[in-house]
Amino acid sequence: MTFQQPPPRDEEILRVLQDRDGVPTTVVLRDGRALTVFDISWGYDMGDEFAHVTTNVELGDENTPLDVFVTNEVAKIVAPESGEVLLEVG
């Protein structure tokens, strides 16, 4: 039996976070939590269209928490240095 993985539906979210690797970025989740993200590691479970993301594995320091979220929880991504909304998810 073969399984066909559905195409990802979160490529833009992952691209924005990868492009800002090493730069503090605010990820606002739909529940209102705001996470400071320096770097990400991500993967897909079988059958999932949205990645699970672990933050601050490489570049965070002892004061930066390691967080885990799923990309379908993201409401927006903000550049904290300017307040610019880099991506708003409908």
C-alpha atoms as a PDB file:
ATOM      1  CA  MET A   1       0.000   0.000   0.000  1.00  0.00           C
ATOM      2  CA  THR A   2       1.333   3.425  -0.897  1.00  0.00           C
ATOM      3  CA  PHE A   3       0.382   6.675   0.724  1.00  0.00           C
ATOM      4  CA  GLN A   4       0.298   9.966  -1.122  1.00  0.00           C
ATOM      5  CA  GLN A   5       1.243  12.926   1.068  1.00  0.00           C
ATOM      6  CA  PRO A   6      -1.036  15.922   0.424  1.00  0.00           C
ATOM      7  CA  PRO A   7       0.703  19.093  -0.764  1.00  0.00           C
ATOM      8  CA  PRO A   8       1.702  21.522   2.005  1.00  0.00           C
ATOM      9  CA  ARG A   9      -0.558  24.508   2.608  1.00  0.00           C
ATOM     10  CA  ASP A  10       1.947  26.538   4.624  1.00  0.00           C
ATOM     11  CA  GLU A  11       4.863  27.200   2.288  1.00  0.00           C
ATOM     12  CA  GLU A  12       4.593  30.994   2.593  1.00  0.00           C
ATOM     13  CA  ILE A  13       4.716  30.872   6.402  1.00  0.00           C
ATOM     14  CA  LEU A  14       7.807  28.666   6.339  1.00  0.00           C
ATOM     15  CA  ARG A  15       9.468  30.822   3.653  1.00  0.00           C
ATOM     16  CA  VAL A  16       9.034  34.029   5.688  1.00  0.00           C
ATOM     17  CA  LEU A  17      10.469  32.395   8.809  1.00  0.00           C
ATOM     18  CA  GLN A  18      13.378  30.851   6.880  1.00  0.00           C
ATOM     19  CA  ASP A  19      14.165  34.196   5.225  1.00  0.00           C
ATOM     20  CA  ARG A  20      14.478  35.792   8.683  1.00  0.00           C
ATOM     21  CA  ASP A  21      16.686  33.047  10.123  1.00  0.00           C
ATOM     22  CA  GLY A  22      18.768  34.568  12.925  1.00  0.00           C
ATOM     23  CA  VAL A  23      16.674  37.747  13.129  1.00  0.00           C
ATOM     24  CA  PRO A  24      14.082  38.073  15.911  1.00  0.00           C
ATOM     25  CA  THR A  25      10.614  37.659  14.435  1.00  0.00           C
ATOM     26  CA  THR A  26       7.254  37.775  16.194  1.00  0.00           C
ATOM     27  CA  VAL A  27       4.816  35.008  15.341  1.00  0.00           C
ATOM     28  CA  VAL A  28       1.303  35.775  16.569  1.00  0.00           C
ATOM     29  CA  LEU A  29      -0.874  32.708  16.966  1.00  0.00           C
ATOM     30  CA  ARG A  30      -4.656  32.624  16.602  1.00  0.00           C
ATOM     31  CA  ASP A  31      -5.047  32.224  20.378  1.00  0.00           C
ATOM     32  CA  GLY A  32      -3.262  35.567  20.883  1.00  0.00           C
ATOM     33  CA  ARG A  33       0.110  34.231  22.015  1.00  0.00           C
ATOM     34  CA  ALA A  34       3.076  36.107  20.554  1.00  0.00           C
ATOM     35  CA  LEU A  35       6.269  34.068  20.138  1.00  0.00           C
ATOM     36  CA  THR A  36       9.746  35.464  19.533  1.00  0.00           C
ATOM     37  CA  VAL A  37      11.371  33.285  16.888  1.00  0.00           C
ATOM     38  CA  PHE A  38      15.050  33.275  15.887  1.00  0.00           C
ATOM     39  CA  ASP A  39      15.152  30.010  13.934  1.00  0.00           C
ATOM     40  CA  ILE A  40      12.920  27.077  13.125  1.00  0.00           C
ATOM     41  CA  SER A  41      12.996  23.360  12.600  1.00  0.00           C
ATOM     42  CA  TRP A  42       9.889  21.806  11.051  1.00  0.00           C
ATOM     43  CA  GLY A  43       8.374  18.648   9.686  1.00  0.00           C
ATOM     44  CA  TYR A  44       5.130  17.083   8.555  1.00  0.00           C
ATOM     45  CA  ASP A  45       3.367  14.112  10.040  1.00  0.00           C
ATOM     46  CA  MET A  46       2.000  11.643   7.515  1.00  0.00           C
ATOM     47  CA  GLY A  47      -1.151  13.055   5.947  1.00  0.00           C
ATOM     48  CA  ASP A  48      -0.693  16.589   7.312  1.00  0.00           C
ATOM     49  CA  GLU A  49      -0.831  19.712   5.162  1.00  0.00           C
ATOM     50  CA  PHE A  50       0.544  21.918   7.943  1.00  0.00           C
ATOM     51  CA  ALA A  51       3.966  21.557   9.558  1.00  0.00           C
ATOM     52  CA  HIS A  52       4.774  21.280  13.231  1.00  0.00           C
ATOM     53  CA  VAL A  53       7.432  23.875  14.034  1.00  0.00           C
ATOM     54  CA  THR A  54       9.996  23.979  16.843  1.00  0.00           C
ATOM     55  CA  THR A  55      11.570  27.389  17.457  1.00  0.00           C
ATOM     56  CA  ASN A  56      14.866  28.701  18.786  1.00  0.00           C
ATOM     57  CA  VAL A  57      16.748  25.416  18.652  1.00  0.00           C
ATOM     58  CA  GLU A  58      20.008  26.859  17.283  1.00  0.00           C
ATOM     59  CA  LEU A  59      20.070  30.621  17.821  1.00  0.00           C
ATOM     60  CA  GLY A  60      18.028  31.256  20.928  1.00  0.00           C
ATOM     61  CA  ASP A  61      19.754  31.891  24.237  1.00  0.00           C
ATOM     62  CA  GLU A  62      18.923  30.819  27.787  1.00  0.00           C
ATOM     63  CA  ASN A  63      16.352  33.643  27.997  1.00  0.00           C
ATOM     64  CA  THR A  64      14.582  32.645  24.776  1.00  0.00           C
ATOM     65  CA  PRO A  65      12.035  29.872  25.198  1.00  0.00           C
ATOM     66  CA  LEU A  66      11.811  26.932  22.866  1.00  0.00           C
ATOM     67  CA  ASP A  67       8.262  26.866  21.488  1.00  0.00           C
ATOM     68  CA  VAL A  68       6.297  24.387  19.387  1.00  0.00           C
ATOM     69  CA  PHE A  69       3.321  25.224  17.183  1.00  0.00           C
ATOM     70  CA  VAL A  70       1.535  24.026  14.051  1.00  0.00           C
ATOM     71  CA  THR A  71       1.533  26.401  11.091  1.00  0.00           C
ATOM     72  CA  ASN A  72      -2.268  26.464  10.860  1.00  0.00           C
ATOM     73  CA  GLU A  73      -2.203  28.254  14.243  1.00  0.00           C
ATOM     74  CA  VAL A  74      -0.377  31.292  12.770  1.00  0.00           C
ATOM     75  CA  ALA A  75      -2.380  34.524  12.471  1.00  0.00           C
ATOM     76  CA  LYS A  76       0.472  36.819  11.433  1.00  0.00           C
ATOM     77  CA  ILE A  77       4.223  37.263  11.337  1.00  0.00           C
ATOM     78  CA  VAL A  78       5.684  40.631  12.338  1.00  0.00           C
ATOM     79  CA  ALA A  79       9.132  42.249  12.095  1.00  0.00           C
ATOM     80  CA  PRO A  80       9.466  43.618  15.655  1.00  0.00           C
ATOM     81  CA  GLU A  81      12.164  46.123  14.675  1.00  0.00           C
ATOM     82  CA  SER A  82       9.733  48.022  12.429  1.00  0.00           C
ATOM     83  CA  GLY A  83       6.292  46.693  13.352  1.00  0.00           C
ATOM     84  CA  GLU A  84       5.805  45.693   9.710  1.00  0.00           C
ATOM     85  CA  VAL A  85       3.395  42.806   9.215  1.00  0.00           C
ATOM     86  CA  LEU A  86       5.339  40.422   6.981  1.00  0.00           C
ATOM     87  CA  LEU A  87       2.472  37.983   6.530  1.00  0.00           C
ATOM     88  CA  GLU A  88      -1.131  37.944   7.659  1.00  0.00           C
ATOM     89  CA  VAL A  89      -2.917  34.631   7.361  1.00  0.00           C
ATOM     90  CA  GLY A  90      -6.634  34.813   6.528  1.00  0.00           C
END
